Amino acid sequence: MKLDRHTRLVGWLKVLLPMAALILLSSLFLISRTIDPSDAIPYADVDVEDRARTPRMTLPTYAGTTADGGTVTLTADEARPGAEQGDGTAQSVRAQMTTPDGARTDLTAAAVAITSADQRLRLSGGVTVASSTGYRLESETLILGLDRSGAQSEGAVTAEGPAGRIDAGRMEIAADPEHPGAYLLVFKQGVRLLYQP
């Protein structure tokens, strides 16, 4: 009698469980909402023809060592090759220069032009320079050397630092001629210092 009940229960479960699964699956399809193709996730918002015409790199990084042992590292949001081999431009640039004496300078700019013939980077579009010596400078353009440690502004520069506020016609980071291996931050051409003790 016990075996008969068990057999009957198993027989009913063989019928009821598949039917319950079928009801659950059919309800998923009946209740689900309709798919609107216009709601599809866009895979790319780029102009493919423009990408094919103008080659570019996204998030490029350049790192190198200068002849005097300094390092230059450059990252950007986008870079494009120039007309000459080794030349190019980049947008939204972040650079770091470390001189052989250990001083570090961080630079940001809207754009950079790379000229391989004279081994230099021309940062433009508002350049901000923060040095490990405590100075923060702003200039419209700045030339950064790839063959030797150093940088110079092409025009006026404004700086805030330990001594106060400095306005000058030009600025230069260059090797100290009196102390080999040391580097100086030099302000030139109509330097005005507002000393803040």
N, C-alpha and C. Protein backbone atom coordinates (compact mmCIF):
# COMPACT_ATOMS: atom_id res chain seq x y z
N MET A 1 0.83 -1.19 0.00
CA MET A 1 0.00 0.00 0.00
C MET A 1 0.87 1.26 0.00
N LYS A 2 1.98 1.22 0.83
CA LYS A 2 2.89 2.35 0.89
C LYS A 2 3.57 2.55 -0.45
N LEU A 3 3.99 1.47 -1.08
CA LEU A 3 4.65 1.53 -2.38
C LEU A 3 3.71 2.06 -3.44
N ASP A 4 2.43 1.73 -3.35
CA ASP A 4 1.42 2.18 -4.31
C ASP A 4 1.25 3.69 -4.21
N ARG A 5 1.22 4.24 -2.97
CA ARG A 5 1.09 5.69 -2.79
C ARG A 5 2.30 6.42 -3.38
N HIS A 6 3.44 5.89 -3.08
CA HIS A 6 4.68 6.49 -3.59
C HIS A 6 4.73 6.48 -5.12
N THR A 7 4.33 5.40 -5.73
CA THR A 7 4.31 5.28 -7.19
C THR A 7 3.32 6.28 -7.79
N ARG A 8 2.14 6.40 -7.15
CA ARG A 8 1.13 7.34 -7.63
C ARG A 8 1.65 8.79 -7.52
N LEU A 9 2.31 9.11 -6.40
CA LEU A 9 2.86 10.47 -6.20
C LEU A 9 3.92 10.78 -7.25
N VAL A 10 4.79 9.86 -7.50
CA VAL A 10 5.84 10.07 -8.52
C VAL A 10 5.20 10.23 -9.89
N GLY A 11 4.18 9.46 -10.18
CA GLY A 11 3.48 9.58 -11.47
C GLY A 11 2.85 10.95 -11.65
N TRP A 12 2.20 11.46 -10.58
CA TRP A 12 1.59 12.80 -10.67
C TRP A 12 2.67 13.89 -10.81
N LEU A 13 3.76 13.76 -10.07
CA LEU A 13 4.84 14.76 -10.15
C LEU A 13 5.49 14.78 -11.54
N LYS A 14 5.55 13.62 -12.20
CA LYS A 14 6.10 13.57 -13.56
C LYS A 14 5.26 14.38 -14.52
N VAL A 15 3.98 14.50 -14.23
CA VAL A 15 3.08 15.27 -15.10
C VAL A 15 3.03 16.73 -14.64
N LEU A 16 2.92 16.98 -13.34
CA LEU A 16 2.71 18.33 -12.81
C LEU A 16 3.96 19.22 -12.92
N LEU A 17 5.12 18.69 -12.62
CA LEU A 17 6.33 19.52 -12.64
C LEU A 17 6.66 20.03 -14.05
N PRO A 18 6.65 19.20 -15.09
CA PRO A 18 6.87 19.76 -16.43
C PRO A 18 5.81 20.77 -16.85
N MET A 19 4.54 20.52 -16.43
CA MET A 19 3.48 21.48 -16.76
C MET A 19 3.71 22.82 -16.05
N ALA A 20 4.17 22.78 -14.78
CA ALA A 20 4.46 24.01 -14.04
C ALA A 20 5.60 24.78 -14.70
N ALA A 21 6.61 24.06 -15.15
CA ALA A 21 7.73 24.71 -15.84
C ALA A 21 7.26 25.34 -17.15
N LEU A 22 6.39 24.65 -17.87
CA LEU A 22 5.85 25.18 -19.13
C LEU A 22 5.01 26.43 -18.88
N ILE A 23 4.23 26.43 -17.80
CA ILE A 23 3.41 27.61 -17.46
C ILE A 23 4.31 28.79 -17.10
N LEU A 24 5.38 28.56 -16.33
CA LEU A 24 6.30 29.64 -15.97
C LEU A 24 6.98 30.23 -17.20
N LEU A 25 7.46 29.38 -18.09
CA LEU A 25 8.12 29.87 -19.31
C LEU A 25 7.17 30.65 -20.20
N SER A 26 5.96 30.14 -20.38
CA SER A 26 5.00 30.85 -21.24
C SER A 26 4.60 32.19 -20.64
N SER A 27 4.51 32.25 -19.29
CA SER A 27 4.15 33.52 -18.66
C SER A 27 5.27 34.55 -18.84
N LEU A 28 6.54 34.10 -18.89
CA LEU A 28 7.64 35.03 -19.15
C LEU A 28 7.49 35.69 -20.52
N PHE A 29 7.11 34.90 -21.50
CA PHE A 29 6.96 35.46 -22.85
C PHE A 29 5.70 36.30 -22.98
N LEU A 30 4.64 35.94 -22.27
CA LEU A 30 3.39 36.69 -22.36
C LEU A 30 3.48 38.02 -21.62
N ILE A 31 4.19 38.04 -20.49
CA ILE A 31 4.27 39.25 -19.66
C ILE A 31 5.38 40.19 -20.13
N SER A 32 6.39 39.68 -20.79
CA SER A 32 7.53 40.52 -21.17
C SER A 32 7.09 41.64 -22.10
N ARG A 33 7.79 42.77 -22.01
CA ARG A 33 7.46 43.94 -22.84
C ARG A 33 8.03 43.77 -24.24
N THR A 34 7.49 44.52 -25.17
CA THR A 34 7.97 44.44 -26.55
C THR A 34 9.28 45.21 -26.67
N ILE A 35 10.14 44.81 -27.58
CA ILE A 35 11.44 45.43 -27.78
C ILE A 35 11.32 46.54 -28.81
N ASP A 36 11.81 47.72 -28.44
CA ASP A 36 11.82 48.86 -29.36
C ASP A 36 13.24 49.00 -29.91
N PRO A 37 13.46 48.80 -31.22
CA PRO A 37 14.82 48.88 -31.78
C PRO A 37 15.47 50.24 -31.60
N SER A 38 14.67 51.30 -31.45
CA SER A 38 15.26 52.63 -31.28
C SER A 38 15.88 52.80 -29.89
N ASP A 39 15.54 51.91 -28.95
CA ASP A 39 16.12 51.97 -27.61
C ASP A 39 17.43 51.21 -27.51
N ALA A 40 17.96 50.73 -28.60
CA ALA A 40 19.19 49.95 -28.59
C ALA A 40 20.35 50.79 -28.07
N ILE A 41 21.29 50.16 -27.42
CA ILE A 41 22.47 50.85 -26.88
C ILE A 41 23.37 51.25 -28.04
N PRO A 42 23.74 52.53 -28.14
CA PRO A 42 24.67 52.92 -29.22
C PRO A 42 26.07 52.41 -28.89
N TYR A 43 26.69 51.75 -29.84
CA TYR A 43 28.03 51.20 -29.60
C TYR A 43 29.12 52.24 -29.77
N ALA A 44 28.92 53.20 -30.67
CA ALA A 44 29.94 54.23 -30.88
C ALA A 44 29.29 55.48 -31.45
N ASP A 45 29.65 56.61 -30.87
CA ASP A 45 29.19 57.90 -31.38
C ASP A 45 30.33 58.57 -32.12
N VAL A 46 30.91 57.91 -33.10
CA VAL A 46 32.02 58.46 -33.85
C VAL A 46 31.69 58.47 -35.33
N ASP A 47 32.31 59.39 -36.02
CA ASP A 47 32.17 59.47 -37.46
C ASP A 47 33.22 58.54 -38.07
N VAL A 48 32.78 57.41 -38.59
CA VAL A 48 33.69 56.39 -39.09
C VAL A 48 34.49 56.92 -40.28
N GLU A 49 33.85 57.70 -41.15
CA GLU A 49 34.56 58.24 -42.33
C GLU A 49 35.67 59.20 -41.89
N ASP A 50 35.40 60.02 -40.87
CA ASP A 50 36.42 60.94 -40.36
C ASP A 50 37.58 60.15 -39.75
N ARG A 51 37.29 59.08 -39.05
CA ARG A 51 38.34 58.24 -38.47
C ARG A 51 39.21 57.61 -39.55
N ALA A 52 38.59 57.22 -40.66
CA ALA A 52 39.34 56.60 -41.75
C ALA A 52 40.21 57.63 -42.47
N ARG A 53 39.71 58.87 -42.62
CA ARG A 53 40.46 59.93 -43.31
C ARG A 53 41.63 60.43 -42.48
N THR A 54 41.39 60.61 -41.19
CA THR A 54 42.41 61.19 -40.31
C THR A 54 42.79 60.18 -39.24
N PRO A 55 43.91 59.50 -39.41
CA PRO A 55 44.32 58.52 -38.39
C PRO A 55 44.67 59.22 -37.07
N ARG A 56 44.40 58.54 -35.97
CA ARG A 56 44.69 59.09 -34.65
C ARG A 56 44.84 57.98 -33.64
N MET A 57 45.43 58.32 -32.51
CA MET A 57 45.57 57.38 -31.40
C MET A 57 44.83 57.95 -30.20
N THR A 58 44.20 57.09 -29.45
CA THR A 58 43.50 57.51 -28.25
C THR A 58 44.34 57.14 -27.04
N LEU A 59 44.47 58.07 -26.10
CA LEU A 59 45.24 57.90 -24.87
C LEU A 59 46.68 57.42 -25.12
N PRO A 60 47.43 58.13 -25.99
CA PRO A 60 48.83 57.73 -26.22
C PRO A 60 49.72 58.14 -25.05
N THR A 61 50.84 57.46 -24.92
CA THR A 61 51.85 57.77 -23.90
C THR A 61 53.22 57.76 -24.55
N TYR A 62 54.03 58.76 -24.23
CA TYR A 62 55.41 58.82 -24.71
C TYR A 62 56.30 58.93 -23.48
N ALA A 63 57.38 58.18 -23.45
CA ALA A 63 58.34 58.27 -22.35
C ALA A 63 59.74 58.18 -22.95
N GLY A 64 60.62 59.04 -22.48
CA GLY A 64 61.99 59.03 -22.99
C GLY A 64 62.97 59.57 -21.98
N THR A 65 64.24 59.37 -22.29
CA THR A 65 65.33 59.86 -21.45
C THR A 65 66.16 60.84 -22.25
N THR A 66 66.50 61.96 -21.65
CA THR A 66 67.31 62.97 -22.33
C THR A 66 68.78 62.59 -22.26
N ALA A 67 69.60 63.27 -23.06
CA ALA A 67 71.03 62.96 -23.12
C ALA A 67 71.73 63.18 -21.78
N ASP A 68 71.20 64.11 -20.96
CA ASP A 68 71.85 64.38 -19.67
C ASP A 68 71.27 63.55 -18.53
N GLY A 69 70.39 62.58 -18.83
CA GLY A 69 69.89 61.66 -17.80
C GLY A 69 68.54 62.02 -17.21
N GLY A 70 67.89 63.06 -17.70
CA GLY A 70 66.55 63.41 -17.25
C GLY A 70 65.50 62.54 -17.95
N THR A 71 64.28 62.59 -17.46
CA THR A 71 63.20 61.83 -18.09
C THR A 71 62.05 62.76 -18.48
N VAL A 72 61.37 62.38 -19.55
CA VAL A 72 60.19 63.10 -20.02
C VAL A 72 59.10 62.07 -20.27
N THR A 73 57.93 62.27 -19.67
CA THR A 73 56.78 61.41 -19.89
C THR A 73 55.62 62.29 -20.33
N LEU A 74 54.91 61.84 -21.36
CA LEU A 74 53.82 62.63 -21.93
C LEU A 74 52.63 61.71 -22.17
N THR A 75 51.45 62.13 -21.72
CA THR A 75 50.21 61.42 -22.02
C THR A 75 49.21 62.43 -22.56
N ALA A 76 48.28 61.96 -23.37
CA ALA A 76 47.28 62.85 -23.98
C ALA A 76 45.98 62.10 -24.18
N ASP A 77 44.92 62.85 -24.44
CA ASP A 77 43.63 62.21 -24.74
C ASP A 77 43.61 61.67 -26.16
N GLU A 78 44.26 62.41 -27.09
CA GLU A 78 44.25 61.99 -28.49
C GLU A 78 45.48 62.56 -29.19
N ALA A 79 46.07 61.80 -30.11
CA ALA A 79 47.24 62.25 -30.87
C ALA A 79 47.03 61.94 -32.34
N ARG A 80 47.55 62.83 -33.20
CA ARG A 80 47.48 62.65 -34.65
C ARG A 80 48.87 62.81 -35.25
N PRO A 81 49.19 62.02 -36.26
CA PRO A 81 50.51 62.16 -36.89
C PRO A 81 50.60 63.46 -37.69
N GLY A 82 51.84 63.97 -37.82
CA GLY A 82 52.08 65.18 -38.62
C GLY A 82 52.48 64.83 -40.04
N ALA A 83 52.83 65.87 -40.81
CA ALA A 83 53.22 65.68 -42.21
C ALA A 83 54.54 64.94 -42.33
N GLU A 84 55.48 65.25 -41.45
CA GLU A 84 56.80 64.60 -41.46
C GLU A 84 56.80 63.42 -40.50
N GLN A 85 57.59 62.41 -40.79
CA GLN A 85 57.68 61.25 -39.92
C GLN A 85 58.25 61.66 -38.57
N GLY A 86 57.59 61.24 -37.51
CA GLY A 86 58.02 61.58 -36.15
C GLY A 86 57.37 62.83 -35.60
N ASP A 87 56.70 63.61 -36.46
CA ASP A 87 56.00 64.80 -36.01
C ASP A 87 54.55 64.45 -35.68
N GLY A 88 53.89 65.31 -34.94
CA GLY A 88 52.48 65.07 -34.63
C GLY A 88 51.93 66.11 -33.68
N THR A 89 50.66 65.99 -33.41
CA THR A 89 49.99 66.87 -32.46
C THR A 89 49.18 66.01 -31.50
N ALA A 90 48.89 66.56 -30.32
CA ALA A 90 48.09 65.86 -29.33
C ALA A 90 47.23 66.87 -28.59
N GLN A 91 46.12 66.39 -28.04
CA GLN A 91 45.17 67.24 -27.33
C GLN A 91 45.08 66.81 -25.86
N SER A 92 44.77 67.77 -24.99
CA SER A 92 44.63 67.53 -23.54
C SER A 92 45.84 66.77 -23.01
N VAL A 93 46.93 67.50 -22.90
CA VAL A 93 48.24 66.90 -22.62
C VAL A 93 48.62 67.03 -21.15
N ARG A 94 49.23 65.97 -20.63
CA ARG A 94 49.83 65.97 -19.30
C ARG A 94 51.26 65.47 -19.47
N ALA A 95 52.20 66.23 -18.95
CA ALA A 95 53.61 65.86 -19.10
C ALA A 95 54.30 65.93 -17.75
N GLN A 96 55.38 65.17 -17.64
CA GLN A 96 56.19 65.19 -16.42
C GLN A 96 57.65 65.16 -16.83
N MET A 97 58.40 66.09 -16.28
CA MET A 97 59.83 66.18 -16.58
C MET A 97 60.58 66.03 -15.26
N THR A 98 61.55 65.12 -15.24
CA THR A 98 62.40 64.94 -14.06
C THR A 98 63.83 65.20 -14.48
N THR A 99 64.47 66.17 -13.83
CA THR A 99 65.86 66.50 -14.15
C THR A 99 66.78 65.54 -13.41
N PRO A 100 68.05 65.42 -13.85
CA PRO A 100 68.98 64.48 -13.20
C PRO A 100 69.20 64.75 -11.72
N ASP A 101 68.97 65.99 -11.27
CA ASP A 101 69.16 66.28 -9.84
C ASP A 101 67.95 65.87 -8.99
N GLY A 102 66.92 65.29 -9.63
CA GLY A 102 65.76 64.78 -8.89
C GLY A 102 64.57 65.71 -8.84
N ALA A 103 64.70 66.94 -9.33
CA ALA A 103 63.57 67.87 -9.33
C ALA A 103 62.52 67.41 -10.34
N ARG A 104 61.25 67.50 -9.95
CA ARG A 104 60.16 67.05 -10.81
C ARG A 104 59.28 68.22 -11.19
N THR A 105 58.86 68.25 -12.45
CA THR A 105 57.99 69.30 -12.94
C THR A 105 56.82 68.65 -13.66
N ASP A 106 55.58 68.98 -13.24
CA ASP A 106 54.37 68.48 -13.87
C ASP A 106 53.78 69.58 -14.73
N LEU A 107 53.40 69.24 -15.96
CA LEU A 107 52.87 70.22 -16.90
C LEU A 107 51.53 69.74 -17.46
N THR A 108 50.61 70.67 -17.67
CA THR A 108 49.35 70.37 -18.36
C THR A 108 49.14 71.45 -19.42
N ALA A 109 48.56 71.05 -20.55
CA ALA A 109 48.30 71.99 -21.64
C ALA A 109 47.14 71.49 -22.47
N ALA A 110 46.53 72.40 -23.22
CA ALA A 110 45.42 72.02 -24.10
C ALA A 110 45.92 71.23 -25.30
N ALA A 111 47.12 71.57 -25.79
CA ALA A 111 47.64 70.91 -26.99
C ALA A 111 49.15 70.89 -26.98
N VAL A 112 49.72 69.99 -27.80
CA VAL A 112 51.16 69.93 -27.97
C VAL A 112 51.47 69.61 -29.42
N ALA A 113 52.53 70.23 -29.94
CA ALA A 113 53.04 69.91 -31.27
C ALA A 113 54.42 69.31 -31.09
N ILE A 114 54.63 68.14 -31.69
CA ILE A 114 55.90 67.42 -31.55
C ILE A 114 56.70 67.60 -32.83
N THR A 115 57.92 68.13 -32.71
CA THR A 115 58.79 68.31 -33.86
C THR A 115 60.02 67.46 -33.63
N SER A 116 60.15 66.38 -34.40
CA SER A 116 61.27 65.46 -34.18
C SER A 116 62.58 66.01 -34.71
N ALA A 117 62.53 66.90 -35.71
CA ALA A 117 63.76 67.43 -36.32
C ALA A 117 64.59 68.19 -35.29
N ASP A 118 63.97 69.03 -34.46
CA ASP A 118 64.73 69.78 -33.46
C ASP A 118 64.50 69.25 -32.04
N GLN A 119 63.90 68.04 -31.92
CA GLN A 119 63.77 67.36 -30.63
C GLN A 119 63.09 68.24 -29.57
N ARG A 120 61.87 68.71 -29.90
CA ARG A 120 61.19 69.53 -28.91
C ARG A 120 59.69 69.35 -28.97
N LEU A 121 59.05 69.68 -27.85
CA LEU A 121 57.60 69.70 -27.74
C LEU A 121 57.19 71.15 -27.52
N ARG A 122 56.17 71.58 -28.25
CA ARG A 122 55.65 72.94 -28.04
C ARG A 122 54.26 72.82 -27.44
N LEU A 123 54.16 73.06 -26.14
CA LEU A 123 52.88 73.00 -25.45
C LEU A 123 52.18 74.35 -25.60
N SER A 124 50.87 74.32 -25.86
CA SER A 124 50.14 75.57 -26.08
C SER A 124 48.72 75.46 -25.55
N GLY A 125 48.01 76.58 -25.64
CA GLY A 125 46.61 76.61 -25.20
C GLY A 125 46.46 76.79 -23.71
N GLY A 126 47.41 77.47 -23.10
CA GLY A 126 47.37 77.67 -21.65
C GLY A 126 48.09 76.55 -20.95
N VAL A 127 49.34 76.78 -20.59
CA VAL A 127 50.18 75.76 -19.97
C VAL A 127 50.28 76.05 -18.47
N THR A 128 50.08 75.02 -17.67
CA THR A 128 50.25 75.12 -16.22
C THR A 128 51.42 74.24 -15.82
N VAL A 129 52.35 74.81 -15.05
CA VAL A 129 53.55 74.10 -14.62
C VAL A 129 53.58 74.09 -13.10
N ALA A 130 53.77 72.92 -12.52
CA ALA A 130 53.92 72.80 -11.06
C ALA A 130 55.24 72.11 -10.80
N SER A 131 56.16 72.81 -10.12
CA SER A 131 57.48 72.24 -9.87
C SER A 131 57.57 71.72 -8.44
N SER A 132 58.47 70.78 -8.24
CA SER A 132 58.65 70.20 -6.90
C SER A 132 59.29 71.20 -5.94
N THR A 133 59.78 72.33 -6.46
CA THR A 133 60.35 73.37 -5.60
C THR A 133 59.29 74.30 -5.02
N GLY A 134 58.02 74.04 -5.37
CA GLY A 134 56.92 74.82 -4.79
C GLY A 134 56.37 75.91 -5.68
N TYR A 135 56.82 76.01 -6.93
CA TYR A 135 56.33 77.04 -7.84
C TYR A 135 55.19 76.49 -8.71
N ARG A 136 54.22 77.33 -8.96
CA ARG A 136 53.13 77.01 -9.90
C ARG A 136 53.09 78.14 -10.92
N LEU A 137 53.32 77.80 -12.19
CA LEU A 137 53.44 78.80 -13.24
C LEU A 137 52.35 78.63 -14.28
N GLU A 138 52.01 79.74 -14.93
CA GLU A 138 51.06 79.71 -16.04
C GLU A 138 51.61 80.54 -17.18
N SER A 139 51.54 79.99 -18.39
CA SER A 139 52.01 80.67 -19.59
C SER A 139 51.17 80.19 -20.76
N GLU A 140 51.11 80.97 -21.82
CA GLU A 140 50.32 80.56 -22.99
C GLU A 140 51.01 79.43 -23.74
N THR A 141 52.33 79.50 -23.88
CA THR A 141 53.08 78.44 -24.58
C THR A 141 54.35 78.10 -23.81
N LEU A 142 54.85 76.89 -24.05
CA LEU A 142 56.08 76.44 -23.39
C LEU A 142 56.77 75.44 -24.31
N ILE A 143 58.09 75.58 -24.42
CA ILE A 143 58.90 74.65 -25.22
C ILE A 143 59.60 73.70 -24.25
N LEU A 144 59.45 72.40 -24.51
CA LEU A 144 60.05 71.37 -23.68
C LEU A 144 61.02 70.57 -24.53
N GLY A 145 62.27 70.44 -24.09
CA GLY A 145 63.27 69.71 -24.86
C GLY A 145 63.17 68.21 -24.67
N LEU A 146 63.38 67.45 -25.75
CA LEU A 146 63.40 66.00 -25.69
C LEU A 146 64.83 65.46 -25.64
N ASP A 147 65.79 66.28 -26.11
CA ASP A 147 67.18 65.84 -26.15
C ASP A 147 67.96 66.23 -24.90
N ARG A 148 67.47 67.22 -24.15
CA ARG A 148 68.12 67.67 -22.93
C ARG A 148 67.05 68.13 -21.95
N SER A 149 67.36 68.05 -20.66
CA SER A 149 66.41 68.49 -19.64
C SER A 149 66.29 70.00 -19.68
N GLY A 150 65.08 70.50 -19.71
CA GLY A 150 64.87 71.94 -19.71
C GLY A 150 63.58 72.33 -20.37
N ALA A 151 63.15 73.55 -20.10
CA ALA A 151 61.93 74.10 -20.69
C ALA A 151 62.05 75.60 -20.70
N GLN A 152 61.33 76.24 -21.63
CA GLN A 152 61.30 77.70 -21.66
C GLN A 152 59.97 78.18 -22.22
N SER A 153 59.50 79.29 -21.68
CA SER A 153 58.26 79.87 -22.18
C SER A 153 58.58 80.75 -23.38
N GLU A 154 57.63 80.86 -24.28
CA GLU A 154 57.82 81.73 -25.44
C GLU A 154 57.33 83.15 -25.16
N GLY A 155 56.57 83.31 -24.11
CA GLY A 155 56.04 84.63 -23.79
C GLY A 155 55.93 84.84 -22.29
N ALA A 156 55.02 85.71 -21.91
CA ALA A 156 54.87 86.09 -20.50
C ALA A 156 54.47 84.91 -19.64
N VAL A 157 54.91 84.98 -18.38
CA VAL A 157 54.62 83.91 -17.43
C VAL A 157 54.24 84.53 -16.08
N THR A 158 53.30 83.90 -15.41
CA THR A 158 52.89 84.30 -14.07
C THR A 158 53.15 83.13 -13.15
N ALA A 159 53.75 83.38 -12.00
CA ALA A 159 54.09 82.29 -11.09
C ALA A 159 53.73 82.64 -9.65
N GLU A 160 53.35 81.60 -8.92
CA GLU A 160 53.14 81.71 -7.48
C GLU A 160 54.12 80.74 -6.84
N GLY A 161 54.82 81.19 -5.82
CA GLY A 161 55.80 80.31 -5.21
C GLY A 161 56.16 80.72 -3.80
N PRO A 162 57.21 80.11 -3.25
CA PRO A 162 57.61 80.42 -1.87
C PRO A 162 57.92 81.90 -1.65
N ALA A 163 58.43 82.57 -2.69
CA ALA A 163 58.80 83.98 -2.52
C ALA A 163 57.61 84.92 -2.70
N GLY A 164 56.53 84.44 -3.28
CA GLY A 164 55.36 85.28 -3.55
C GLY A 164 54.91 85.13 -5.00
N ARG A 165 54.39 86.24 -5.57
CA ARG A 165 53.91 86.22 -6.95
C ARG A 165 54.96 86.83 -7.86
N ILE A 166 55.24 86.16 -8.99
CA ILE A 166 56.24 86.64 -9.95
C ILE A 166 55.58 86.78 -11.32
N ASP A 167 55.78 87.94 -11.94
CA ASP A 167 55.38 88.18 -13.33
C ASP A 167 56.65 88.44 -14.12
N ALA A 168 56.79 87.76 -15.26
CA ALA A 168 58.01 87.93 -16.06
C ALA A 168 57.68 87.78 -17.54
N GLY A 169 58.58 88.32 -18.37
CA GLY A 169 58.41 88.21 -19.82
C GLY A 169 58.73 86.81 -20.33
N ARG A 170 59.62 86.09 -19.62
CA ARG A 170 60.00 84.73 -20.00
C ARG A 170 60.41 83.93 -18.78
N MET A 171 60.41 82.61 -18.92
CA MET A 171 60.85 81.71 -17.87
C MET A 171 61.65 80.60 -18.51
N GLU A 172 62.64 80.07 -17.77
CA GLU A 172 63.46 79.00 -18.32
C GLU A 172 63.88 78.05 -17.20
N ILE A 173 63.81 76.76 -17.47
CA ILE A 173 64.38 75.74 -16.59
C ILE A 173 65.59 75.21 -17.33
N ALA A 174 66.78 75.44 -16.79
CA ALA A 174 68.02 75.07 -17.50
C ALA A 174 69.08 74.60 -16.53
N ALA A 175 70.11 73.96 -17.08
CA ALA A 175 71.23 73.48 -16.28
C ALA A 175 71.97 74.65 -15.66
N ASP A 176 72.40 74.49 -14.42
CA ASP A 176 73.18 75.52 -13.72
C ASP A 176 74.62 75.44 -14.22
N PRO A 177 75.13 76.50 -14.89
CA PRO A 177 76.49 76.44 -15.42
C PRO A 177 77.57 76.36 -14.33
N GLU A 178 77.28 76.86 -13.12
CA GLU A 178 78.27 76.86 -12.05
C GLU A 178 78.27 75.55 -11.26
N HIS A 179 77.17 74.79 -11.33
CA HIS A 179 77.06 73.53 -10.57
C HIS A 179 76.56 72.44 -11.51
N PRO A 180 77.47 71.70 -12.12
CA PRO A 180 77.06 70.64 -13.04
C PRO A 180 76.14 69.63 -12.36
N GLY A 181 75.07 69.26 -13.07
CA GLY A 181 74.09 68.31 -12.53
C GLY A 181 72.95 68.96 -11.81
N ALA A 182 73.04 70.29 -11.56
CA ALA A 182 71.96 71.02 -10.90
C ALA A 182 71.20 71.85 -11.94
N TYR A 183 69.93 72.15 -11.65
CA TYR A 183 69.10 72.90 -12.59
C TYR A 183 68.45 74.07 -11.89
N LEU A 184 68.22 75.13 -12.66
CA LEU A 184 67.68 76.37 -12.12
C LEU A 184 66.36 76.73 -12.81
N LEU A 185 65.48 77.37 -12.04
CA LEU A 185 64.27 77.98 -12.58
C LEU A 185 64.57 79.48 -12.64
N VAL A 186 64.69 80.03 -13.87
CA VAL A 186 65.12 81.41 -14.06
C VAL A 186 64.00 82.22 -14.71
N PHE A 187 63.71 83.40 -14.14
CA PHE A 187 62.74 84.33 -14.72
C PHE A 187 63.51 85.45 -15.37
N LYS A 188 63.06 85.90 -16.58
CA LYS A 188 63.78 86.93 -17.35
C LYS A 188 62.80 87.96 -17.90
N GLN A 189 63.35 89.06 -18.39
CA GLN A 189 62.64 90.11 -19.12
C GLN A 189 61.52 90.76 -18.31
N GLY A 190 61.87 91.77 -17.60
CA GLY A 190 60.89 92.57 -16.85
C GLY A 190 60.26 91.79 -15.70
N VAL A 191 61.12 91.24 -14.86
CA VAL A 191 60.62 90.42 -13.75
C VAL A 191 60.08 91.34 -12.66
N ARG A 192 58.88 91.02 -12.19
CA ARG A 192 58.26 91.78 -11.10
C ARG A 192 57.86 90.80 -10.00
N LEU A 193 58.37 91.04 -8.79
CA LEU A 193 58.11 90.14 -7.65
C LEU A 193 57.25 90.87 -6.64
N LEU A 194 56.13 90.24 -6.28
CA LEU A 194 55.31 90.75 -5.20
C LEU A 194 55.59 89.84 -4.00
N TYR A 195 56.46 90.32 -3.11
CA TYR A 195 56.92 89.51 -1.99
C TYR A 195 55.83 89.38 -0.93
N GLN A 196 55.58 88.14 -0.52
CA GLN A 196 54.57 87.89 0.51
C GLN A 196 55.24 87.16 1.66
N PRO A 197 55.65 87.88 2.70
CA PRO A 197 56.40 87.26 3.82
C PRO A 197 55.50 86.29 4.62
